[in-house]
C-alpha atoms as a PDB file:
ATOM      1  CA  MET A   1       0.258   0.119  -0.217  1.00  0.00           C
ATOM      2  CA  LEU A   2       1.345   3.698  -1.110  1.00  0.00           C
ATOM      3  CA  GLU A   3       1.098   6.689   0.669  1.00  0.00           C
ATOM      4  CA  LYS A   4      -1.523   8.031  -2.069  1.00  0.00           C
ATOM      5  CA  ASP A   5      -3.201   4.607  -1.451  1.00  0.00           C
ATOM      6  CA  ILE A   6      -3.808   4.996   2.176  1.00  0.00           C
ATOM      7  CA  GLN A   7      -4.206   8.870   1.662  1.00  0.00           C
ATOM      8  CA  LYS A   8      -7.471   7.544  -0.357  1.00  0.00           C
ATOM      9  CA  ALA A   9      -8.818   5.222   2.272  1.00  0.00           C
ATOM     10  CA  LEU A  10      -8.397   8.255   5.037  1.00  0.00           C
ATOM     11  CA  LYS A  11     -10.347  10.428   2.566  1.00  0.00           C
ATOM     12  CA  GLN A  12     -13.184   7.565   2.404  1.00  0.00           C
ATOM     13  CA  PHE A  13     -13.667   6.593   6.318  1.00  0.00           C
ATOM     14  CA  SER A  14     -16.488   8.306   7.497  1.00  0.00           C
ATOM     15  CA  GLU A  15     -18.180   7.291   4.119  1.00  0.00           C
ATOM     16  CA  LEU A  16     -18.000   3.682   4.897  1.00  0.00           C
ATOM     17  CA  GLU A  17     -18.908   3.889   8.284  1.00  0.00           C
ATOM     18  CA  ARG A  18     -21.294   5.900   7.004  1.00  0.00           C
ATOM     19  CA  GLN A  19     -21.944   3.201   4.668  1.00  0.00           C
ATOM     20  CA  ARG A  20     -21.948   0.150   7.639  1.00  0.00           C
ATOM     21  CA  ASP A  21     -24.486   2.112   9.380  1.00  0.00           C
ATOM     22  CA  ASP A  22     -27.055   2.262   6.242  1.00  0.00           C
ATOM     23  CA  ILE A  23     -26.684  -1.338   5.194  1.00  0.00           C
ATOM     24  CA  MET A  24     -26.835  -2.169   9.455  1.00  0.00           C
ATOM     25  CA  SER A  25     -30.193  -0.182   9.610  1.00  0.00           C
ATOM     26  CA  GLU A  26     -31.471  -2.027   6.687  1.00  0.00           C
ATOM     27  CA  ILE A  27     -30.758  -5.037   7.900  1.00  0.00           C
ATOM     28  CA  ILE A  28     -32.255  -4.228  10.986  1.00  0.00           C
ATOM     29  CA  SER A  29     -35.195  -3.079   9.129  1.00  0.00           C
ATOM     30  CA  MET A  30     -35.653  -5.967   7.209  1.00  0.00           C
ATOM     31  CA  HIS A  31     -35.699  -8.023   9.855  1.00  0.00           C
ATOM     32  CA  ALA A  32     -38.395  -6.411  11.483  1.00  0.00           C
ATOM     33  CA  ARG A  33     -40.008  -6.970   8.852  1.00  0.00           C
ATOM     34  CA  VAL A  34     -39.772 -10.341   8.318  1.00  0.00           C
ATOM     35  CA  ASP A  35     -40.955 -10.285  12.196  1.00  0.00           C
ATOM     36  CA  ASP A  36     -43.939  -9.052  11.683  1.00  0.00           C
ATOM     37  CA  MET A  37     -45.051 -11.098   8.455  1.00  0.00           C
ATOM     38  CA  ARG A  38     -44.385 -14.221  11.456  1.00  0.00           C
ATOM     39  CA  ASP A  39     -47.444 -12.698  12.964  1.00  0.00           C
ATOM     40  CA  ILE A  40     -49.889 -12.737   9.695  1.00  0.00           C
ATOM     41  CA  LYS A  41     -51.103 -16.484   9.652  1.00  0.00           C
ATOM     42  CA  ALA A  42     -53.776 -19.521   7.544  1.00  0.00           C
ATOM     43  CA  TYR A  43     -56.711 -20.058   9.247  1.00  0.00           C
ATOM     44  CA  VAL A  44     -57.994 -23.284   8.436  1.00  0.00           C
ATOM     45  CA  ILE A  45     -61.722 -23.407   8.648  1.00  0.00           C
ATOM     46  CA  ASP A  46     -63.336 -26.881  10.290  1.00  0.00           C
ATOM     47  CA  GLY A  47     -65.807 -28.539   8.078  1.00  0.00           C
ATOM     48  CA  LEU A  48     -64.663 -27.388   4.394  1.00  0.00           C
ATOM     49  CA  PRO A  49     -62.093 -29.189   2.148  1.00  0.00           C
ATOM     50  CA  HIS A  50     -58.582 -28.996   2.803  1.00  0.00           C
ATOM     51  CA  GLY A  51     -55.650 -30.621  -0.063  1.00  0.00           C
ATOM     52  CA  THR A  52     -53.144 -32.331   0.380  1.00  0.00           C
ATOM     53  CA  GLY A  53     -50.075 -30.736  -1.405  1.00  0.00           C
ATOM     54  CA  ILE A  54     -48.488 -27.516  -1.224  1.00  0.00           C
ATOM     55  CA  SER A  55     -49.011 -25.394  -4.035  1.00  0.00           C
ATOM     56  CA  ASP A  56     -51.322 -22.937  -3.089  1.00  0.00           C
ATOM     57  CA  ASN A  57     -50.229 -19.447  -5.091  1.00  0.00           C
ATOM     58  CA  THR A  58     -50.175 -18.453  -1.062  1.00  0.00           C
ATOM     59  CA  TYR A  59     -47.259 -20.431  -0.272  1.00  0.00           C
ATOM     60  CA  LYS A  60     -45.573 -20.260  -3.991  1.00  0.00           C
ATOM     61  CA  LYS A  61     -45.587 -16.650  -2.881  1.00  0.00           C
ATOM     62  CA  ALA A  62     -44.892 -16.773   0.532  1.00  0.00           C
ATOM     63  CA  GLN A  63     -41.177 -19.107  -0.686  1.00  0.00           C
ATOM     64  CA  ARG A  64     -40.664 -16.692  -3.097  1.00  0.00           C
ATOM     65  CA  ALA A  65     -41.258 -13.612  -0.799  1.00  0.00           C
ATOM     66  CA  VAL A  66     -38.751 -15.715   2.024  1.00  0.00           C
ATOM     67  CA  ASP A  67     -36.118 -16.689  -1.719  1.00  0.00           C
ATOM     68  CA  GLU A  68     -35.778 -12.513  -2.213  1.00  0.00           C
ATOM     69  CA  TYR A  69     -35.527 -11.570   1.649  1.00  0.00           C
ATOM     70  CA  ASN A  70     -32.394 -14.808   1.810  1.00  0.00           C
ATOM     71  CA  VAL A  71     -30.524 -13.712  -1.074  1.00  0.00           C
ATOM     72  CA  GLU A  72     -30.724  -9.339  -0.663  1.00  0.00           C
ATOM     73  CA  MET A  73     -29.623 -10.431   3.251  1.00  0.00           C
ATOM     74  CA  ASP A  74     -26.846 -12.168   1.723  1.00  0.00           C
ATOM     75  CA  MET A  75     -26.023  -9.377  -0.494  1.00  0.00           C
ATOM     76  CA  LEU A  76     -26.088  -6.910   2.094  1.00  0.00           C
ATOM     77  CA  LEU A  77     -24.319  -8.560   4.564  1.00  0.00           C
ATOM     78  CA  ASN A  78     -21.879  -9.363   2.136  1.00  0.00           C
ATOM     79  CA  ARG A  79     -21.306  -5.454   1.792  1.00  0.00           C
ATOM     80  CA  LEU A  80     -21.234  -4.880   5.555  1.00  0.00           C
ATOM     81  CA  SER A  81     -18.305  -7.649   5.448  1.00  0.00           C
ATOM     82  CA  VAL A  82     -16.254  -5.782   2.573  1.00  0.00           C
ATOM     83  CA  LEU A  83     -17.378  -2.591   4.403  1.00  0.00           C
ATOM     84  CA  GLU A  84     -15.969  -3.951   7.571  1.00  0.00           C
ATOM     85  CA  LYS A  85     -12.206  -4.795   6.568  1.00  0.00           C
ATOM     86  CA  GLN A  86     -11.621  -1.937   4.424  1.00  0.00           C
ATOM     87  CA  ILE A  87     -12.929   0.543   8.421  1.00  0.00           C
ATOM     88  CA  TRP A  88     -10.851  -2.860   9.710  1.00  0.00           C
ATOM     89  CA  THR A  89      -7.545  -1.588   7.968  1.00  0.00           C
ATOM     90  CA  VAL A  90      -7.562   1.909   7.988  1.00  0.00           C
ATOM     91  CA  LYS A  91      -7.921   1.931  12.259  1.00  0.00           C
ATOM     92  CA  HIS A  92      -5.375  -1.108  12.116  1.00  0.00           C
ATOM     93  CA  LEU A  93      -3.207   1.982  10.282  1.00  0.00           C
ATOM     94  CA  LEU A  94      -3.950   4.269  12.956  1.00  0.00           C
ATOM     95  CA  PHE A  95      -3.237   2.048  15.608  1.00  0.00           C
ATOM     96  CA  CYS A  96       0.309   2.688  15.658  1.00  0.00           C
ATOM     97  CA  LEU A  97       0.283   6.238  15.537  1.00  0.00           C
ATOM     98  CA  SER A  98       1.001   8.749  18.327  1.00  0.00           C
ATOM     99  CA  TYR A  99      -1.840  11.650  19.940  1.00  0.00           C
ATOM    100  CA  ASN A 100      -0.366  14.393  17.893  1.00  0.00           C
ATOM    101  CA  GLU A 101       0.016  12.647  14.281  1.00  0.00           C
ATOM    102  CA  LEU A 102      -4.003  10.653  15.298  1.00  0.00           C
ATOM    103  CA  LYS A 103      -5.170  14.233  15.685  1.00  0.00           C
ATOM    104  CA  ILE A 104      -4.296  15.883  12.813  1.00  0.00           C
ATOM    105  CA  ILE A 105      -4.722  12.960   9.949  1.00  0.00           C
ATOM    106  CA  ARG A 106      -8.485  12.701  12.003  1.00  0.00           C
ATOM    107  CA  LEU A 107      -8.641  16.454  11.715  1.00  0.00           C
ATOM    108  CA  HIS A 108      -7.830  16.861   8.071  1.00  0.00           C
ATOM    109  CA  TYR A 109      -9.252  13.488   6.475  1.00  0.00           C
ATOM    110  CA  PHE A 110     -12.321  12.324   8.352  1.00  0.00           C
ATOM    111  CA  GLU A 111     -12.844  16.325   9.560  1.00  0.00           C
ATOM    112  CA  HIS A 112     -11.773  17.778   6.167  1.00  0.00           C
ATOM    113  CA  VAL A 113     -10.115  20.254   7.727  1.00  0.00           C
ATOM    114  CA  GLY A 114      -7.352  22.105   6.173  1.00  0.00           C
ATOM    115  CA  TRP A 115      -3.892  22.398   6.837  1.00  0.00           C
ATOM    116  CA  ASP A 116      -4.480  25.878   8.230  1.00  0.00           C
ATOM    117  CA  LEU A 117      -7.522  24.938  10.198  1.00  0.00           C
ATOM    118  CA  VAL A 118      -5.601  22.014  11.458  1.00  0.00           C
ATOM    119  CA  ALA A 119      -2.428  24.118  12.404  1.00  0.00           C
ATOM    120  CA  LEU A 120      -4.469  26.363  14.388  1.00  0.00           C
ATOM    121  CA  ARG A 121      -6.513  23.932  16.102  1.00  0.00           C
ATOM    122  CA  MET A 122      -3.490  22.270  17.398  1.00  0.00           C
ATOM    123  CA  GLY A 123      -1.595  25.105  18.059  1.00  0.00           C
ATOM    124  CA  LEU A 124       1.233  24.644  15.912  1.00  0.00           C
ATOM    125  CA  SER A 125       2.993  25.883  13.443  1.00  0.00           C
ATOM    126  CA  ARG A 126       1.432  24.652   9.813  1.00  0.00           C
ATOM    127  CA  ARG A 127       5.337  23.286   9.091  1.00  0.00           C
ATOM    128  CA  THR A 128       5.669  21.577  12.150  1.00  0.00           C
ATOM    129  CA  CYS A 129       1.844  20.215  11.229  1.00  0.00           C
ATOM    130  CA  MET A 130       2.501  18.737   7.785  1.00  0.00           C
ATOM    131  CA  ARG A 131       5.910  17.026   9.540  1.00  0.00           C
ATOM    132  CA  CYS A 132       3.723  15.016  11.530  1.00  0.00           C
ATOM    133  CA  ARG A 133       1.383  14.478   8.590  1.00  0.00           C
ATOM    134  CA  ASP A 134       4.788  13.039   7.081  1.00  0.00           C
ATOM    135  CA  GLU A 135       5.954  10.745  10.132  1.00  0.00           C
ATOM    136  CA  ALA A 136       2.340   9.704  10.434  1.00  0.00           C
ATOM    137  CA  PHE A 137       2.444   8.407   6.785  1.00  0.00           C
ATOM    138  CA  THR A 138       5.984   6.627   7.227  1.00  0.00           C
ATOM    139  CA  LYS A 139       4.683   4.782   9.871  1.00  0.00           C
ATOM    140  CA  MET A 140       1.002   4.075   8.181  1.00  0.00           C
ATOM    141  CA  ILE A 141       3.159   2.544   5.509  1.00  0.00           C
ATOM    142  CA  GLU A 142       5.788   0.304   7.653  1.00  0.00           C
ATOM    143  CA  GLN A 143       2.645  -1.291   9.250  1.00  0.00           C
ATOM    144  CA  VAL A 144       1.305  -1.913   6.386  1.00  0.00           C
ATOM    145  CA  GLY A 145       4.856  -3.322   5.601  1.00  0.00           C
ATOM    146  CA  GLY A 146       4.651  -5.476   8.925  1.00  0.00           C
ATOM    147  CA  ALA A 147       7.054  -3.911  10.364  1.00  0.00           C
ATOM    148  CA  ALA A 148       6.091  -3.310  14.794  1.00  0.00           C
ATOM    149  CA  CYS A 149       4.834  -0.313  16.276  1.00  0.00           C
END
């Protein structure tokens, strides 16, 4: 992973977390809909003839709904898995940073604050912030290469 790849991952981090939260909400919503459907039951009226097969249209529609639910849930879980891996990768890279390096990276890449304002918020010169950023990227590149923190 090169510096530009790490920068791209950092810039996308907030969006990845938002997408993960959206998928989790969608999964919860789907579970709620399924739970609501479980309360719907077919009633058998005694005294009327009953078929012995399960080939009625209601069963077919119900089975189709279950199949669609399973396909949609699998797609959501796969997307969630990919997002979780990407989020974990970024968090793993940030683990080795010092407090100031982490704060500088968070301000600029996650909160989208410009470098001049980052320096002002940190109480440092712009040059010192840039040096801290460079050191942070060096550490993250080493982390990707397998070096210990």
